[in-house]
Amino acid sequence: MPHERPVGHHRVKLTDIPKRREQRRRVRREIIARLTAESIELGLYDLFVDDSGEADDGR
């Protein structure tokens, strides 16, 4: 994101903020989708992990 940096602070154009927000949301959704797909592939998606760190399939 283009910006100026006077005295330690970034100055960003107000019009760039919604674009950057949407870009970050898109990247976050892609990462979540990828992690979910990997978890399903590994058979971990339906596992429940309790506070002790023990995995349980919920049955």
Protein backbone atom coordinates (compact mmCIF):
# COMPACT_ATOMS: atom_id res chain seq x y z
CA MET A 1 0.00 0.00 0.00
CA PRO A 2 1.53 3.32 -0.97
CA HIS A 3 2.25 5.56 1.98
CA GLU A 4 4.40 8.35 3.33
CA ARG A 5 6.28 7.94 6.57
CA PRO A 6 6.76 11.25 8.33
CA VAL A 7 8.16 10.98 11.87
CA GLY A 8 7.52 7.26 12.42
CA HIS A 9 3.86 7.12 11.36
CA HIS A 10 2.42 5.88 8.07
CA ARG A 11 0.11 8.20 6.20
CA VAL A 12 -2.22 6.23 3.98
CA LYS A 13 -4.73 7.53 1.50
CA LEU A 14 -8.25 7.08 2.80
CA THR A 15 -9.28 5.60 -0.56
CA ASP A 16 -6.69 2.79 -0.18
CA ILE A 17 -8.10 1.50 3.13
CA PRO A 18 -11.16 -0.40 1.76
CA LYS A 19 -9.01 -1.99 -0.97
CA ARG A 20 -6.44 -3.16 1.57
CA ARG A 21 -9.16 -4.42 3.93
CA GLU A 22 -10.75 -6.50 1.15
CA GLN A 23 -7.35 -7.85 0.07
CA ARG A 24 -6.60 -8.97 3.64
CA ARG A 25 -10.05 -10.58 3.96
CA ARG A 26 -9.57 -12.44 0.69
CA VAL A 27 -6.16 -13.76 1.75
CA ARG A 28 -7.51 -14.76 5.18
CA ARG A 29 -10.42 -16.67 3.57
CA GLU A 30 -8.02 -18.46 1.20
CA ILE A 31 -5.79 -19.52 4.10
CA ILE A 32 -8.76 -20.78 6.13
CA ALA A 33 -10.07 -22.73 3.13
CA ARG A 34 -6.64 -24.28 2.53
CA LEU A 35 -6.23 -25.26 6.20
CA THR A 36 -9.73 -26.72 6.29
CA ALA A 37 -9.06 -28.76 3.14
CA GLU A 38 -5.79 -30.08 4.59
CA SER A 39 -7.54 -30.98 7.86
CA ILE A 40 -10.25 -32.88 5.99
CA GLU A 41 -7.61 -34.68 3.90
CA LEU A 42 -5.77 -35.75 7.05
CA GLY A 43 -8.98 -36.81 8.77
CA LEU A 44 -8.56 -34.20 11.50
CA TYR A 45 -11.51 -31.98 10.69
CA ASP A 46 -14.01 -33.81 12.91
CA LEU A 47 -11.66 -34.31 15.85
CA PHE A 48 -12.37 -32.50 19.10
CA VAL A 49 -9.39 -31.43 21.22
CA ASP A 50 -10.16 -30.77 24.87
CA ASP A 51 -8.30 -28.39 27.19
CA SER A 52 -5.75 -31.09 28.09
CA GLY A 53 -4.71 -31.39 24.44
CA GLU A 54 -6.20 -34.87 24.03
CA ALA A 55 -7.89 -35.57 20.68
CA ASP A 56 -11.25 -37.29 20.60
CA ASP A 57 -13.48 -38.03 17.63
CA GLY A 58 -16.57 -37.10 19.67
CA ARG A 59 -17.95 -40.62 19.97
